C-alpha atoms as a PDB file:
ATOM      1  CA  UNK A   1       0.000   0.000   0.000  1.00  0.00           C
ATOM      2  CA  UNK A   2       2.617   2.546   1.028  1.00  0.00           C
ATOM      3  CA  UNK A   3       4.815   1.501  -1.899  1.00  0.00           C
ATOM      4  CA  UNK A   4       2.229   2.690  -4.429  1.00  0.00           C
ATOM      5  CA  UNK A   5       1.593   5.875  -2.469  1.00  0.00           C
ATOM      6  CA  UNK A   6       5.329   6.532  -2.237  1.00  0.00           C
ATOM      7  CA  UNK A   7       5.759   6.106  -6.004  1.00  0.00           C
ATOM      8  CA  UNK A   8       2.861   8.483  -6.707  1.00  0.00           C
ATOM      9  CA  UNK A   9       4.203  11.025  -4.201  1.00  0.00           C
ATOM     10  CA  UNK A  10       7.740  10.907  -5.582  1.00  0.00           C
ATOM     11  CA  UNK A  11       6.424  11.408  -9.110  1.00  0.00           C
ATOM     12  CA  UNK A  12       4.309  14.355  -7.956  1.00  0.00           C
ATOM     13  CA  UNK A  13       7.348  15.929  -6.269  1.00  0.00           C
ATOM     14  CA  UNK A  14       9.608  14.939  -9.182  1.00  0.00           C
ATOM     15  CA  UNK A  15      12.048  13.086  -6.932  1.00  0.00           C
ATOM     16  CA  UNK A  16      14.247  10.499  -8.561  1.00  0.00           C
ATOM     17  CA  UNK A  17      16.313   9.212  -5.636  1.00  0.00           C
ATOM     18  CA  UNK A  18      15.484   7.283  -2.489  1.00  0.00           C
ATOM     19  CA  UNK A  19      17.256   9.742  -0.197  1.00  0.00           C
ATOM     20  CA  UNK A  20      14.007  11.234   1.176  1.00  0.00           C
ATOM     21  CA  UNK A  21      11.955   8.025   1.365  1.00  0.00           C
ATOM     22  CA  UNK A  22      11.912   7.879   5.171  1.00  0.00           C
ATOM     23  CA  UNK A  23      10.574  11.429   5.402  1.00  0.00           C
ATOM     24  CA  UNK A  24       8.104  10.888   2.561  1.00  0.00           C
ATOM     25  CA  UNK A  25       6.771   7.707   4.197  1.00  0.00           C
ATOM     26  CA  UNK A  26       6.267   9.712   7.399  1.00  0.00           C
ATOM     27  CA  UNK A  27       4.278  12.298   5.425  1.00  0.00           C
ATOM     28  CA  UNK A  28       2.191   9.497   3.899  1.00  0.00           C
ATOM     29  CA  UNK A  29       1.405   8.150   7.370  1.00  0.00           C
ATOM     30  CA  UNK A  30       0.503  11.624   8.596  1.00  0.00           C
ATOM     31  CA  UNK A  31      -1.723  12.214   5.570  1.00  0.00           C
ATOM     32  CA  UNK A  32      -3.512   8.902   6.153  1.00  0.00           C
ATOM     33  CA  UNK A  33      -4.152   9.813   9.785  1.00  0.00           C
ATOM     34  CA  UNK A  34      -5.408  13.323   8.950  1.00  0.00           C
ATOM     35  CA  UNK A  35      -7.743  11.970   6.260  1.00  0.00           C
ATOM     36  CA  UNK A  36      -9.102   9.278   8.586  1.00  0.00           C
ATOM     37  CA  UNK A  37      -9.716  11.934  11.263  1.00  0.00           C
ATOM     38  CA  UNK A  38     -11.964  13.693   8.742  1.00  0.00           C
ATOM     39  CA  UNK A  39     -14.133  10.561   8.681  1.00  0.00           C
ATOM     40  CA  UNK A  40     -12.911   8.958   5.459  1.00  0.00           C
ATOM     41  CA  UNK A  41     -12.368   5.191   5.526  1.00  0.00           C
ATOM     42  CA  UNK A  42      -9.416   4.576   3.239  1.00  0.00           C
ATOM     43  CA  UNK A  43      -9.390   1.349   1.245  1.00  0.00           C
ATOM     44  CA  UNK A  44      -6.083  -0.474   0.874  1.00  0.00           C
ATOM     45  CA  UNK A  45      -5.072  -0.862  -2.754  1.00  0.00           C
ATOM     46  CA  UNK A  46      -7.678   1.595  -4.078  1.00  0.00           C
ATOM     47  CA  UNK A  47      -5.937   3.785  -6.659  1.00  0.00           C
ATOM     48  CA  UNK A  48      -8.146   6.789  -5.912  1.00  0.00           C
ATOM     49  CA  UNK A  49      -7.391   6.567  -2.195  1.00  0.00           C
ATOM     50  CA  UNK A  50      -3.696   6.121  -2.965  1.00  0.00           C
ATOM     51  CA  UNK A  51      -3.848   9.266  -5.084  1.00  0.00           C
ATOM     52  CA  UNK A  52      -5.714  11.207  -2.404  1.00  0.00           C
ATOM     53  CA  UNK A  53      -3.219  10.265   0.315  1.00  0.00           C
ATOM     54  CA  UNK A  54      -0.328  11.119  -2.000  1.00  0.00           C
ATOM     55  CA  UNK A  55      -1.854  14.513  -2.877  1.00  0.00           C
ATOM     56  CA  UNK A  56      -2.271  15.303   0.807  1.00  0.00           C
ATOM     57  CA  UNK A  57       1.306  14.195   1.570  1.00  0.00           C
ATOM     58  CA  UNK A  58       2.619  16.332  -1.316  1.00  0.00           C
ATOM     59  CA  UNK A  59       0.807  19.341   0.136  1.00  0.00           C
ATOM     60  CA  UNK A  60       2.361  18.631   3.545  1.00  0.00           C
ATOM     61  CA  UNK A  61       5.782  18.519   1.870  1.00  0.00           C
ATOM     62  CA  UNK A  62       5.275  21.740  -0.073  1.00  0.00           C
ATOM     63  CA  UNK A  63       3.611  23.792   2.664  1.00  0.00           C
ATOM     64  CA  UNK A  64       6.714  23.733   4.841  1.00  0.00           C
ATOM     65  CA  UNK A  65       8.557  25.838   2.245  1.00  0.00           C
ATOM     66  CA  UNK A  66       5.788  28.272   1.291  1.00  0.00           C
ATOM     67  CA  UNK A  67       4.551  31.377   3.033  1.00  0.00           C
ATOM     68  CA  UNK A  68       1.000  30.606   1.833  1.00  0.00           C
ATOM     69  CA  UNK A  69      -0.002  27.428   3.626  1.00  0.00           C
ATOM     70  CA  UNK A  70      -3.660  27.180   2.620  1.00  0.00           C
ATOM     71  CA  UNK A  71      -4.748  23.797   1.340  1.00  0.00           C
ATOM     72  CA  UNK A  72      -5.196  23.891  -2.449  1.00  0.00           C
ATOM     73  CA  UNK A  73      -8.802  23.859  -3.632  1.00  0.00           C
ATOM     74  CA  UNK A  74      -8.168  20.777  -5.730  1.00  0.00           C
ATOM     75  CA  UNK A  75      -7.237  18.875  -2.580  1.00  0.00           C
ATOM     76  CA  UNK A  76     -10.119  20.364  -0.585  1.00  0.00           C
ATOM     77  CA  UNK A  77     -12.580  19.286  -3.290  1.00  0.00           C
ATOM     78  CA  UNK A  78     -11.061  15.817  -3.557  1.00  0.00           C
ATOM     79  CA  UNK A  79     -11.342  15.301   0.204  1.00  0.00           C
ATOM     80  CA  UNK A  80     -14.879  16.657   0.328  1.00  0.00           C
ATOM     81  CA  UNK A  81     -15.981  14.547  -2.645  1.00  0.00           C
ATOM     82  CA  UNK A  82     -14.427  11.403  -1.172  1.00  0.00           C
ATOM     83  CA  UNK A  83     -16.138  11.984   2.177  1.00  0.00           C
ATOM     84  CA  UNK A  84     -19.511  12.778   0.594  1.00  0.00           C
ATOM     85  CA  UNK A  85     -19.276   9.739  -1.684  1.00  0.00           C
ATOM     86  CA  UNK A  86     -18.677   7.520   1.309  1.00  0.00           C
ATOM     87  CA  UNK A  87     -21.441   9.059   3.427  1.00  0.00           C
ATOM     88  CA  UNK A  88     -24.021   8.867   0.651  1.00  0.00           C
ATOM     89  CA  UNK A  89     -23.593   5.146  -0.075  1.00  0.00           C
ATOM     90  CA  UNK A  90     -26.756   3.190   0.552  1.00  0.00           C
ATOM     91  CA  UNK A  91     -26.306   0.316   2.968  1.00  0.00           C
ATOM     92  CA  UNK A  92     -28.095  -2.919   2.074  1.00  0.00           C
END
């Protein structure tokens, strides 16, 4: 699970080496926790969830270097849509 998320994150950040993998895996774990705290139940191996976690982790990586730390709208919408999709599912 984390391997796919790490690959997506490294591609997003355009990193070619493994020198930051420990830090990036920490960001992935943090992103997973933050997303779960919002009420989203992440599914292991789901490509959309992998992408969402990786987007969140990329934002965590980038925000440390920027003066503007607001979460990008794209990420806000993705999180909101994922949460709404989950909450609106009809249970049988």
